[in-house]
Amino acid sequence: MRVATEPDFTFISITMNIRQFIRTHFFITALLFLLCANSLAIKEPVEETLEIARKQFYAAIEDKKQIEPTIEIFQRIAQLEPKYAGRTQVYIGALVALKGKHAFLPHTKLKWAKRGLTIMDSGLEKNPDDIEARFIHGTTCYHLPFFFGRSDDAQRDFKKIVKLIPQQRHAYHPKLIKNVVLFLLENAKLTDNEKAYLRVVSHQKT
């Protein structure tokens, strides 16, 4: 569900809400997807580049100088491996939104956040069945201030991830999947059956 008109709020509230969203979302997302990076024995060049891009994504949270170089890495990945086009675009959108953290003026912060969302939406449309893309998109929407009207999008992403886990879980490191599952159990609106399934997954080692 989208918000058709701009709500009435002060620049101070925009600054506080977007700053809280940026800090919370990007820390959680980067942590979850980078926890296992050093433990993966990846040989394929594109996969190695993707691992580097994830690390750069984490660095860009605190260092605005890393944003553009990281965007370029994800763009290169998309060129080398078209199957990652959707995922990389979602990451790029997240990085564009991250520019809001480093912007000075409140309306500039809002501009970057909205622009990043547009890019992420487009990326997710390219590969709606990619768990990593779904998770980044979903957590972004989840942590956005209410006036963006994205809470329903977040829950749809989380529900979709639950459906995708059985087919895709073995494509990721088990600890990464476990952290995603724990996030969903804590924050997603799930049925009892969905929660029961995720609890089983969270206790499995492979």
N, C-alpha and C. Protein backbone atom coordinates (compact mmCIF):
# COMPACT_ATOMS: atom_id res chain seq x y z
N MET A 1 0.84 -1.19 0.00
CA MET A 1 0.00 0.00 0.00
C MET A 1 0.88 1.24 0.00
N ARG A 2 0.63 2.21 -0.85
CA ARG A 2 1.44 3.40 -0.97
C ARG A 2 0.71 4.61 -0.40
N VAL A 3 1.46 5.59 0.06
CA VAL A 3 0.87 6.82 0.57
C VAL A 3 0.73 7.79 -0.59
N ALA A 4 -0.49 8.26 -0.85
CA ALA A 4 -0.74 9.08 -2.02
C ALA A 4 -0.28 10.51 -1.84
N THR A 5 -0.38 11.04 -0.61
CA THR A 5 -0.01 12.43 -0.38
C THR A 5 1.02 12.51 0.72
N GLU A 6 1.75 13.64 0.76
CA GLU A 6 2.76 13.85 1.79
C GLU A 6 2.07 14.18 3.11
N PRO A 7 2.41 13.55 4.21
CA PRO A 7 1.82 13.85 5.50
C PRO A 7 2.39 15.15 6.04
N ASP A 8 1.74 15.72 7.04
CA ASP A 8 2.20 16.96 7.65
C ASP A 8 3.12 16.63 8.81
N PHE A 9 4.42 16.85 8.63
CA PHE A 9 5.36 16.59 9.71
C PHE A 9 6.48 17.61 9.64
N THR A 10 7.19 17.81 10.74
CA THR A 10 8.25 18.81 10.80
C THR A 10 9.55 18.24 10.31
N PHE A 11 10.47 19.11 9.91
CA PHE A 11 11.79 18.68 9.48
C PHE A 11 12.52 17.97 10.60
N ILE A 12 12.23 18.36 11.84
CA ILE A 12 12.90 17.71 12.97
C ILE A 12 12.49 16.26 13.06
N SER A 13 11.20 15.99 12.91
CA SER A 13 10.73 14.60 12.99
C SER A 13 11.28 13.78 11.84
N ILE A 14 11.39 14.38 10.65
CA ILE A 14 11.96 13.67 9.50
C ILE A 14 13.39 13.25 9.82
N THR A 15 14.14 14.20 10.31
CA THR A 15 15.55 13.93 10.59
C THR A 15 15.70 12.81 11.60
N MET A 16 14.93 12.86 12.67
CA MET A 16 15.04 11.85 13.73
C MET A 16 14.62 10.48 13.23
N ASN A 17 13.50 10.42 12.50
CA ASN A 17 12.98 9.12 12.06
C ASN A 17 13.88 8.48 11.01
N ILE A 18 14.33 9.27 10.03
CA ILE A 18 15.17 8.70 8.98
C ILE A 18 16.52 8.32 9.54
N ARG A 19 17.04 9.14 10.45
CA ARG A 19 18.33 8.81 11.05
C ARG A 19 18.22 7.49 11.82
N GLN A 20 17.11 7.30 12.56
CA GLN A 20 16.93 6.06 13.31
C GLN A 20 16.78 4.88 12.36
N PHE A 21 16.02 5.06 11.28
CA PHE A 21 15.86 4.00 10.28
C PHE A 21 17.20 3.60 9.67
N ILE A 22 17.96 4.62 9.22
CA ILE A 22 19.24 4.34 8.58
C ILE A 22 20.16 3.58 9.51
N ARG A 23 20.29 4.07 10.74
CA ARG A 23 21.22 3.45 11.68
C ARG A 23 20.80 2.01 12.01
N THR A 24 19.51 1.81 12.30
CA THR A 24 19.03 0.49 12.71
C THR A 24 19.05 -0.50 11.56
N HIS A 25 18.44 -0.10 10.43
CA HIS A 25 18.33 -1.04 9.31
C HIS A 25 19.67 -1.48 8.77
N PHE A 26 20.53 -0.54 8.47
CA PHE A 26 21.76 -0.91 7.79
C PHE A 26 22.69 -1.68 8.70
N PHE A 27 22.63 -1.43 10.01
CA PHE A 27 23.46 -2.22 10.92
C PHE A 27 22.98 -3.66 10.94
N ILE A 28 21.66 -3.84 11.09
CA ILE A 28 21.10 -5.20 11.17
C ILE A 28 21.33 -5.96 9.87
N THR A 29 20.99 -5.32 8.74
CA THR A 29 21.12 -6.00 7.46
C THR A 29 22.56 -6.39 7.16
N ALA A 30 23.47 -5.45 7.34
CA ALA A 30 24.88 -5.75 7.06
C ALA A 30 25.39 -6.83 7.99
N LEU A 31 25.01 -6.77 9.26
CA LEU A 31 25.48 -7.77 10.21
C LEU A 31 25.00 -9.16 9.83
N LEU A 32 23.73 -9.28 9.51
CA LEU A 32 23.17 -10.59 9.19
C LEU A 32 23.82 -11.20 7.95
N PHE A 33 24.07 -10.39 6.94
CA PHE A 33 24.60 -10.92 5.69
C PHE A 33 26.12 -10.96 5.62
N LEU A 34 26.79 -10.43 6.66
CA LEU A 34 28.25 -10.48 6.65
C LEU A 34 28.81 -11.39 7.74
N LEU A 35 27.97 -11.89 8.61
CA LEU A 35 28.44 -12.72 9.71
C LEU A 35 29.27 -13.90 9.23
N CYS A 36 28.88 -14.46 8.11
CA CYS A 36 29.50 -15.70 7.66
C CYS A 36 30.47 -15.51 6.51
N ALA A 37 30.74 -14.28 6.13
CA ALA A 37 31.55 -14.04 4.93
C ALA A 37 32.92 -14.67 5.03
N ASN A 38 33.58 -14.55 6.17
CA ASN A 38 34.94 -15.05 6.30
C ASN A 38 35.01 -16.57 6.36
N SER A 39 33.88 -17.21 6.67
CA SER A 39 33.89 -18.66 6.81
C SER A 39 33.56 -19.38 5.51
N LEU A 40 33.19 -18.63 4.46
CA LEU A 40 32.82 -19.24 3.19
C LEU A 40 34.05 -19.48 2.32
N ALA A 41 34.15 -20.66 1.78
CA ALA A 41 35.26 -20.98 0.88
C ALA A 41 34.74 -20.89 -0.55
N ILE A 42 34.74 -19.69 -1.11
CA ILE A 42 34.17 -19.45 -2.42
C ILE A 42 35.28 -19.34 -3.46
N LYS A 43 35.11 -19.99 -4.59
CA LYS A 43 36.15 -20.01 -5.61
C LYS A 43 35.77 -19.23 -6.86
N GLU A 44 34.47 -19.10 -7.12
CA GLU A 44 34.05 -18.45 -8.34
C GLU A 44 34.27 -16.95 -8.22
N PRO A 45 34.88 -16.31 -9.25
CA PRO A 45 35.20 -14.88 -9.20
C PRO A 45 34.02 -13.98 -8.88
N VAL A 46 32.86 -14.25 -9.50
CA VAL A 46 31.70 -13.40 -9.24
C VAL A 46 31.26 -13.52 -7.79
N GLU A 47 31.31 -14.73 -7.26
CA GLU A 47 30.92 -14.93 -5.88
C GLU A 47 31.89 -14.24 -4.94
N GLU A 48 33.17 -14.25 -5.28
CA GLU A 48 34.15 -13.56 -4.47
C GLU A 48 33.89 -12.06 -4.50
N THR A 49 33.56 -11.55 -5.67
CA THR A 49 33.25 -10.13 -5.79
C THR A 49 32.01 -9.77 -4.99
N LEU A 50 31.03 -10.67 -4.98
CA LEU A 50 29.82 -10.43 -4.20
C LEU A 50 30.14 -10.38 -2.71
N GLU A 51 31.03 -11.24 -2.28
CA GLU A 51 31.45 -11.23 -0.88
C GLU A 51 32.13 -9.90 -0.53
N ILE A 52 32.98 -9.43 -1.44
CA ILE A 52 33.66 -8.15 -1.24
C ILE A 52 32.63 -7.02 -1.17
N ALA A 53 31.63 -7.09 -2.05
CA ALA A 53 30.60 -6.05 -2.08
C ALA A 53 29.83 -6.00 -0.78
N ARG A 54 29.54 -7.17 -0.21
CA ARG A 54 28.84 -7.19 1.08
C ARG A 54 29.68 -6.50 2.16
N LYS A 55 30.97 -6.78 2.16
CA LYS A 55 31.86 -6.15 3.15
C LYS A 55 31.91 -4.64 2.94
N GLN A 56 31.96 -4.23 1.68
CA GLN A 56 31.97 -2.81 1.37
C GLN A 56 30.66 -2.14 1.79
N PHE A 57 29.59 -2.87 1.63
CA PHE A 57 28.28 -2.38 2.05
C PHE A 57 28.30 -2.05 3.53
N TYR A 58 28.89 -2.93 4.31
CA TYR A 58 29.00 -2.72 5.75
C TYR A 58 29.86 -1.48 6.03
N ALA A 59 30.97 -1.34 5.33
CA ALA A 59 31.86 -0.20 5.54
C ALA A 59 31.17 1.11 5.19
N ALA A 60 30.31 1.08 4.18
CA ALA A 60 29.64 2.29 3.73
C ALA A 60 28.65 2.83 4.75
N ILE A 61 28.27 2.01 5.71
CA ILE A 61 27.32 2.47 6.73
C ILE A 61 27.88 3.66 7.49
N GLU A 62 29.16 3.60 7.80
CA GLU A 62 29.79 4.66 8.58
C GLU A 62 30.66 5.59 7.75
N ASP A 63 31.05 5.16 6.57
CA ASP A 63 31.96 5.95 5.76
C ASP A 63 31.31 6.28 4.42
N LYS A 64 30.87 7.52 4.25
CA LYS A 64 30.16 7.89 3.03
C LYS A 64 31.04 7.79 1.79
N LYS A 65 32.35 7.81 1.97
CA LYS A 65 33.25 7.68 0.84
C LYS A 65 33.19 6.29 0.21
N GLN A 66 32.65 5.34 0.95
CA GLN A 66 32.56 3.96 0.44
C GLN A 66 31.28 3.71 -0.36
N ILE A 67 30.35 4.64 -0.32
CA ILE A 67 29.05 4.39 -0.97
C ILE A 67 29.19 4.23 -2.48
N GLU A 68 29.77 5.21 -3.13
CA GLU A 68 29.88 5.15 -4.60
C GLU A 68 30.76 3.99 -5.07
N PRO A 69 31.93 3.75 -4.45
CA PRO A 69 32.72 2.58 -4.87
C PRO A 69 31.96 1.27 -4.70
N THR A 70 31.15 1.19 -3.65
CA THR A 70 30.38 -0.04 -3.43
C THR A 70 29.28 -0.18 -4.46
N ILE A 71 28.65 0.91 -4.82
CA ILE A 71 27.64 0.87 -5.89
C ILE A 71 28.28 0.37 -7.18
N GLU A 72 29.49 0.84 -7.46
CA GLU A 72 30.18 0.41 -8.68
C GLU A 72 30.48 -1.09 -8.66
N ILE A 73 30.82 -1.62 -7.50
CA ILE A 73 31.08 -3.06 -7.39
C ILE A 73 29.82 -3.85 -7.70
N PHE A 74 28.70 -3.43 -7.12
CA PHE A 74 27.44 -4.14 -7.38
C PHE A 74 27.04 -4.01 -8.85
N GLN A 75 27.30 -2.88 -9.45
CA GLN A 75 27.00 -2.72 -10.88
C GLN A 75 27.86 -3.67 -11.72
N ARG A 76 29.11 -3.84 -11.33
CA ARG A 76 29.99 -4.75 -12.05
C ARG A 76 29.52 -6.20 -11.90
N ILE A 77 29.06 -6.55 -10.72
CA ILE A 77 28.54 -7.90 -10.50
C ILE A 77 27.36 -8.18 -11.43
N ALA A 78 26.46 -7.20 -11.55
CA ALA A 78 25.29 -7.36 -12.41
C ALA A 78 25.69 -7.56 -13.87
N GLN A 79 26.77 -6.90 -14.29
CA GLN A 79 27.25 -7.05 -15.66
C GLN A 79 27.89 -8.42 -15.88
N LEU A 80 28.61 -8.90 -14.87
CA LEU A 80 29.29 -10.19 -14.99
C LEU A 80 28.33 -11.37 -14.87
N GLU A 81 27.31 -11.21 -14.04
CA GLU A 81 26.39 -12.31 -13.80
C GLU A 81 24.96 -11.78 -13.75
N PRO A 82 24.24 -11.85 -14.90
CA PRO A 82 22.89 -11.29 -14.99
C PRO A 82 21.91 -11.86 -13.95
N LYS A 83 22.15 -13.07 -13.46
CA LYS A 83 21.21 -13.64 -12.50
C LYS A 83 21.18 -12.85 -11.20
N TYR A 84 22.22 -12.05 -10.98
CA TYR A 84 22.27 -11.23 -9.76
C TYR A 84 21.79 -9.80 -10.00
N ALA A 85 21.23 -9.52 -11.16
CA ALA A 85 20.84 -8.15 -11.49
C ALA A 85 19.83 -7.59 -10.49
N GLY A 86 18.85 -8.39 -10.12
CA GLY A 86 17.85 -7.93 -9.17
C GLY A 86 18.43 -7.70 -7.79
N ARG A 87 19.21 -8.67 -7.32
CA ARG A 87 19.80 -8.56 -5.99
C ARG A 87 20.72 -7.36 -5.88
N THR A 88 21.57 -7.18 -6.89
CA THR A 88 22.51 -6.07 -6.84
C THR A 88 21.80 -4.72 -6.90
N GLN A 89 20.70 -4.66 -7.64
CA GLN A 89 19.97 -3.40 -7.71
C GLN A 89 19.32 -3.07 -6.37
N VAL A 90 18.87 -4.08 -5.66
CA VAL A 90 18.31 -3.85 -4.33
C VAL A 90 19.40 -3.31 -3.40
N TYR A 91 20.58 -3.91 -3.47
CA TYR A 91 21.70 -3.40 -2.68
C TYR A 91 22.02 -1.95 -3.05
N ILE A 92 22.03 -1.66 -4.36
CA ILE A 92 22.32 -0.31 -4.82
C ILE A 92 21.28 0.67 -4.27
N GLY A 93 20.03 0.27 -4.30
CA GLY A 93 18.98 1.12 -3.74
C GLY A 93 19.20 1.39 -2.26
N ALA A 94 19.63 0.35 -1.53
CA ALA A 94 19.91 0.52 -0.11
C ALA A 94 21.07 1.51 0.09
N LEU A 95 22.05 1.44 -0.77
CA LEU A 95 23.19 2.36 -0.68
C LEU A 95 22.78 3.79 -1.01
N VAL A 96 21.90 3.94 -1.98
CA VAL A 96 21.40 5.27 -2.31
C VAL A 96 20.64 5.84 -1.12
N ALA A 97 19.81 5.02 -0.49
CA ALA A 97 19.09 5.47 0.70
C ALA A 97 20.06 5.83 1.82
N LEU A 98 21.16 5.12 1.87
CA LEU A 98 22.17 5.38 2.90
C LEU A 98 22.76 6.78 2.77
N LYS A 99 22.70 7.33 1.58
CA LYS A 99 23.20 8.70 1.41
C LYS A 99 22.44 9.68 2.30
N GLY A 100 21.21 9.32 2.64
CA GLY A 100 20.43 10.17 3.52
C GLY A 100 21.04 10.33 4.89
N LYS A 101 21.74 9.31 5.34
CA LYS A 101 22.40 9.38 6.64
C LYS A 101 23.44 10.48 6.67
N HIS A 102 24.13 10.64 5.55
CA HIS A 102 25.24 11.58 5.50
C HIS A 102 24.82 12.97 4.99
N ALA A 103 23.54 13.10 4.57
CA ALA A 103 23.07 14.40 4.10
C ALA A 103 22.82 15.33 5.29
N PHE A 104 22.91 16.61 5.05
CA PHE A 104 22.76 17.59 6.14
C PHE A 104 21.31 18.06 6.29
N LEU A 105 20.68 18.42 5.17
CA LEU A 105 19.33 18.97 5.22
C LEU A 105 18.28 17.86 5.31
N PRO A 106 17.25 18.06 6.14
CA PRO A 106 16.19 17.04 6.29
C PRO A 106 15.52 16.66 4.98
N HIS A 107 15.21 17.65 4.12
CA HIS A 107 14.53 17.32 2.87
C HIS A 107 15.45 16.54 1.94
N THR A 108 16.77 16.72 2.09
CA THR A 108 17.72 15.94 1.29
C THR A 108 17.76 14.51 1.79
N LYS A 109 17.69 14.33 3.09
CA LYS A 109 17.63 12.99 3.65
C LYS A 109 16.41 12.24 3.12
N LEU A 110 15.27 12.94 3.10
CA LEU A 110 14.04 12.34 2.61
C LEU A 110 14.14 11.99 1.13
N LYS A 111 14.76 12.88 0.37
CA LYS A 111 14.92 12.66 -1.08
C LYS A 111 15.69 11.37 -1.36
N TRP A 112 16.84 11.19 -0.66
CA TRP A 112 17.66 10.00 -0.89
C TRP A 112 16.93 8.74 -0.45
N ALA A 113 16.21 8.80 0.64
CA ALA A 113 15.48 7.62 1.11
C ALA A 113 14.43 7.20 0.08
N LYS A 114 13.69 8.14 -0.45
CA LYS A 114 12.64 7.82 -1.44
C LYS A 114 13.25 7.33 -2.75
N ARG A 115 14.36 7.94 -3.15
CA ARG A 115 15.02 7.50 -4.39
C ARG A 115 15.56 6.08 -4.23
N GLY A 116 16.13 5.79 -3.08
CA GLY A 116 16.63 4.45 -2.82
C GLY A 116 15.53 3.41 -2.85
N LEU A 117 14.38 3.76 -2.31
CA LEU A 117 13.24 2.84 -2.32
C LEU A 117 12.79 2.52 -3.74
N THR A 118 12.76 3.53 -4.58
CA THR A 118 12.35 3.31 -5.96
C THR A 118 13.29 2.34 -6.67
N ILE A 119 14.58 2.51 -6.43
CA ILE A 119 15.57 1.62 -7.04
C ILE A 119 15.41 0.20 -6.50
N MET A 120 15.20 0.07 -5.21
CA MET A 120 15.02 -1.25 -4.60
C MET A 120 13.78 -1.95 -5.13
N ASP A 121 12.69 -1.21 -5.25
CA ASP A 121 11.45 -1.79 -5.77
C ASP A 121 11.66 -2.38 -7.16
N SER A 122 12.36 -1.62 -7.99
CA SER A 122 12.63 -2.07 -9.36
C SER A 122 13.52 -3.30 -9.35
N GLY A 123 14.51 -3.33 -8.47
CA GLY A 123 15.40 -4.48 -8.39
C GLY A 123 14.67 -5.73 -7.94
N LEU A 124 13.78 -5.58 -6.99
CA LEU A 124 13.04 -6.74 -6.49
C LEU A 124 12.12 -7.31 -7.56
N GLU A 125 11.58 -6.44 -8.41
CA GLU A 125 10.73 -6.91 -9.50
C GLU A 125 11.49 -7.79 -10.48
N LYS A 126 12.79 -7.55 -10.61
CA LYS A 126 13.61 -8.35 -11.52
C LYS A 126 13.84 -9.76 -11.00
N ASN A 127 13.90 -9.92 -9.71
CA ASN A 127 14.14 -11.24 -9.12
C ASN A 127 13.40 -11.36 -7.80
N PRO A 128 12.09 -11.53 -7.87
CA PRO A 128 11.27 -11.57 -6.65
C PRO A 128 11.47 -12.81 -5.80
N ASP A 129 12.16 -13.82 -6.33
CA ASP A 129 12.36 -15.06 -5.59
C ASP A 129 13.76 -15.18 -5.00
N ASP A 130 14.47 -14.08 -4.90
CA ASP A 130 15.81 -14.07 -4.32
C ASP A 130 15.70 -13.73 -2.84
N ILE A 131 16.10 -14.64 -1.97
CA ILE A 131 15.97 -14.43 -0.53
C ILE A 131 16.73 -13.20 -0.07
N GLU A 132 17.94 -13.06 -0.54
CA GLU A 132 18.78 -11.94 -0.09
C GLU A 132 18.17 -10.60 -0.50
N ALA A 133 17.69 -10.52 -1.73
CA ALA A 133 17.05 -9.30 -2.19
C ALA A 133 15.78 -9.01 -1.39
N ARG A 134 15.00 -10.06 -1.15
CA ARG A 134 13.78 -9.92 -0.37
C ARG A 134 14.07 -9.43 1.05
N PHE A 135 15.12 -9.98 1.64
CA PHE A 135 15.42 -9.63 3.02
C PHE A 135 15.87 -8.17 3.15
N ILE A 136 16.72 -7.73 2.23
CA ILE A 136 17.19 -6.34 2.28
C ILE A 136 16.02 -5.39 2.01
N HIS A 137 15.21 -5.72 1.02
CA HIS A 137 14.04 -4.90 0.72
C HIS A 137 13.08 -4.89 1.90
N GLY A 138 12.84 -6.07 2.45
CA GLY A 138 11.88 -6.17 3.55
C GLY A 138 12.33 -5.45 4.81
N THR A 139 13.59 -5.60 5.18
CA THR A 139 14.07 -4.93 6.39
C THR A 139 14.13 -3.42 6.21
N THR A 140 14.41 -2.98 4.99
CA THR A 140 14.37 -1.55 4.71
C THR A 140 12.96 -1.01 4.95
N CYS A 141 11.99 -1.66 4.36
CA CYS A 141 10.60 -1.22 4.53
C CYS A 141 10.17 -1.31 5.99
N TYR A 142 10.61 -2.33 6.68
CA TYR A 142 10.23 -2.53 8.08
C TYR A 142 10.70 -1.38 8.96
N HIS A 143 11.91 -0.90 8.72
CA HIS A 143 12.50 0.12 9.58
C HIS A 143 12.22 1.55 9.13
N LEU A 144 11.53 1.71 8.01
CA LEU A 144 11.18 3.05 7.57
C LEU A 144 10.17 3.69 8.51
N PRO A 145 10.22 5.02 8.67
CA PRO A 145 9.19 5.73 9.43
C PRO A 145 7.80 5.45 8.85
N PHE A 146 6.79 5.53 9.69
CA PHE A 146 5.44 5.13 9.30
C PHE A 146 4.91 5.90 8.10
N PHE A 147 5.33 7.17 7.93
CA PHE A 147 4.73 7.99 6.89
C PHE A 147 5.13 7.56 5.48
N PHE A 148 6.05 6.61 5.36
CA PHE A 148 6.36 6.05 4.04
C PHE A 148 5.33 5.01 3.62
N GLY A 149 4.55 4.51 4.56
CA GLY A 149 3.51 3.54 4.24
C GLY A 149 4.03 2.22 3.70
N ARG A 150 5.15 1.72 4.27
CA ARG A 150 5.79 0.52 3.73
C ARG A 150 5.72 -0.69 4.66
N SER A 151 4.98 -0.61 5.74
CA SER A 151 4.94 -1.74 6.67
C SER A 151 4.33 -2.98 6.04
N ASP A 152 3.30 -2.81 5.21
CA ASP A 152 2.69 -3.95 4.54
C ASP A 152 3.66 -4.60 3.56
N ASP A 153 4.45 -3.79 2.88
CA ASP A 153 5.46 -4.34 1.97
C ASP A 153 6.45 -5.21 2.72
N ALA A 154 6.85 -4.74 3.89
CA ALA A 154 7.81 -5.50 4.70
C ALA A 154 7.24 -6.86 5.06
N GLN A 155 6.01 -6.90 5.50
CA GLN A 155 5.41 -8.16 5.91
C GLN A 155 5.22 -9.11 4.72
N ARG A 156 4.92 -8.55 3.55
CA ARG A 156 4.82 -9.40 2.35
C ARG A 156 6.17 -10.01 2.01
N ASP A 157 7.22 -9.22 2.16
CA ASP A 157 8.57 -9.75 1.91
C ASP A 157 8.88 -10.87 2.89
N PHE A 158 8.57 -10.67 4.15
CA PHE A 158 8.88 -11.67 5.17
C PHE A 158 8.12 -12.97 4.90
N LYS A 159 6.85 -12.84 4.53
CA LYS A 159 6.05 -14.03 4.21
C LYS A 159 6.64 -14.78 3.02
N LYS A 160 7.10 -14.01 2.02
CA LYS A 160 7.68 -14.62 0.84
C LYS A 160 8.96 -15.36 1.19
N ILE A 161 9.76 -14.79 2.06
CA ILE A 161 11.01 -15.43 2.46
C ILE A 161 10.73 -16.78 3.12
N VAL A 162 9.71 -16.84 3.94
CA VAL A 162 9.35 -18.11 4.58
C VAL A 162 9.06 -19.18 3.53
N LYS A 163 8.39 -18.79 2.46
CA LYS A 163 8.07 -19.75 1.39
C LYS A 163 9.30 -20.14 0.59
N LEU A 164 10.28 -19.22 0.49
CA LEU A 164 11.47 -19.48 -0.32
C LEU A 164 12.53 -20.30 0.41
N ILE A 165 12.53 -20.25 1.71
CA ILE A 165 13.59 -20.91 2.49
C ILE A 165 13.73 -22.40 2.16
N PRO A 166 12.65 -23.18 2.06
CA PRO A 166 12.83 -24.62 1.78
C PRO A 166 13.60 -24.89 0.49
N GLN A 167 13.39 -24.06 -0.55
CA GLN A 167 14.06 -24.29 -1.83
C GLN A 167 15.46 -23.68 -1.88
N GLN A 168 15.72 -22.64 -1.12
CA GLN A 168 16.96 -21.90 -1.29
C GLN A 168 17.91 -21.93 -0.10
N ARG A 169 17.51 -22.50 1.00
CA ARG A 169 18.32 -22.40 2.21
C ARG A 169 19.73 -22.96 2.05
N HIS A 170 19.87 -24.00 1.22
CA HIS A 170 21.18 -24.64 1.07
C HIS A 170 22.12 -23.83 0.15
N ALA A 171 21.60 -22.78 -0.46
CA ALA A 171 22.44 -21.92 -1.28
C ALA A 171 23.19 -20.89 -0.43
N TYR A 172 22.84 -20.82 0.84
CA TYR A 172 23.46 -19.87 1.75
C TYR A 172 24.12 -20.60 2.92
N HIS A 173 25.01 -19.89 3.58
CA HIS A 173 25.64 -20.45 4.77
C HIS A 173 24.56 -20.68 5.83
N PRO A 174 24.58 -21.82 6.53
CA PRO A 174 23.54 -22.11 7.53
C PRO A 174 23.38 -21.03 8.59
N LYS A 175 24.49 -20.41 9.02
CA LYS A 175 24.40 -19.39 10.06
C LYS A 175 23.68 -18.15 9.54
N LEU A 176 23.88 -17.84 8.26
CA LEU A 176 23.20 -16.71 7.66
C LEU A 176 21.69 -16.93 7.66
N ILE A 177 21.28 -18.12 7.19
CA ILE A 177 19.86 -18.45 7.18
C ILE A 177 19.28 -18.42 8.59
N LYS A 178 20.05 -18.91 9.54
CA LYS A 178 19.57 -18.92 10.92
C LYS A 178 19.31 -17.51 11.41
N ASN A 179 20.20 -16.58 11.09
CA ASN A 179 20.01 -15.20 11.53
C ASN A 179 18.81 -14.54 10.86
N VAL A 180 18.60 -14.87 9.60
CA VAL A 180 17.41 -14.37 8.91
C VAL A 180 16.15 -14.91 9.58
N VAL A 181 16.17 -16.20 9.88
CA VAL A 181 15.03 -16.85 10.53
C VAL A 181 14.74 -16.21 11.89
N LEU A 182 15.78 -15.97 12.66
CA LEU A 182 15.58 -15.37 13.98
C LEU A 182 15.00 -13.96 13.86
N PHE A 183 15.43 -13.23 12.84
CA PHE A 183 14.86 -11.90 12.62
C PHE A 183 13.38 -12.01 12.29
N LEU A 184 13.02 -12.97 11.44
CA LEU A 184 11.62 -13.14 11.07
C LEU A 184 10.77 -13.55 12.26
N LEU A 185 11.28 -14.44 13.08
CA LEU A 185 10.53 -14.88 14.25
C LEU A 185 10.26 -13.72 15.20
N GLU A 186 11.17 -12.79 15.25
CA GLU A 186 11.02 -11.66 16.17
C GLU A 186 10.18 -10.52 15.60
N ASN A 187 10.20 -10.35 14.28
CA ASN A 187 9.60 -9.15 13.70
C ASN A 187 8.48 -9.37 12.69
N ALA A 188 8.38 -10.57 12.12
CA ALA A 188 7.37 -10.81 11.10
C ALA A 188 6.05 -11.25 11.72
N LYS A 189 4.96 -10.91 11.04
CA LYS A 189 3.63 -11.35 11.47
C LYS A 189 3.35 -12.69 10.79
N LEU A 190 3.57 -13.77 11.52
CA LEU A 190 3.50 -15.11 10.95
C LEU A 190 2.39 -15.93 11.59
N THR A 191 1.96 -16.95 10.84
CA THR A 191 1.00 -17.90 11.40
C THR A 191 1.74 -18.84 12.36
N ASP A 192 0.98 -19.58 13.14
CA ASP A 192 1.60 -20.53 14.07
C ASP A 192 2.39 -21.59 13.32
N ASN A 193 1.86 -22.03 12.18
CA ASN A 193 2.58 -23.04 11.39
C ASN A 193 3.89 -22.49 10.84
N GLU A 194 3.86 -21.25 10.38
CA GLU A 194 5.08 -20.63 9.86
C GLU A 194 6.13 -20.49 10.96
N LYS A 195 5.69 -20.08 12.14
CA LYS A 195 6.61 -19.94 13.26
C LYS A 195 7.20 -21.30 13.64
N ALA A 196 6.37 -22.32 13.64
CA ALA A 196 6.85 -23.65 14.00
C ALA A 196 7.90 -24.14 13.01
N TYR A 197 7.65 -23.91 11.73
CA TYR A 197 8.62 -24.32 10.71
C TYR A 197 9.94 -23.58 10.88
N LEU A 198 9.88 -22.28 11.09
CA LEU A 198 11.10 -21.50 11.23
C LEU A 198 11.88 -21.90 12.48
N ARG A 199 11.20 -22.27 13.53
CA ARG A 199 11.90 -22.72 14.74
C ARG A 199 12.67 -24.00 14.46
N VAL A 200 12.07 -24.87 13.64
CA VAL A 200 12.77 -26.09 13.25
C VAL A 200 14.01 -25.75 12.45
N VAL A 201 13.87 -24.85 11.49
CA VAL A 201 15.00 -24.44 10.67
C VAL A 201 16.10 -23.83 11.52
N SER A 202 15.74 -23.01 12.50
CA SER A 202 16.73 -22.32 13.31
C SER A 202 17.58 -23.28 14.14
N HIS A 203 17.08 -24.49 14.37
CA HIS A 203 17.82 -25.47 15.16
C HIS A 203 18.57 -26.49 14.33
N GLN A 204 18.42 -26.40 13.00
CA GLN A 204 19.13 -27.32 12.13
C GLN A 204 20.49 -26.77 11.78
N LYS A 205 21.47 -27.65 11.68
CA LYS A 205 22.85 -27.23 11.43
C LYS A 205 23.19 -27.14 9.96
N THR A 206 22.49 -27.84 9.12
CA THR A 206 22.76 -27.81 7.67
C THR A 206 21.50 -27.58 6.88
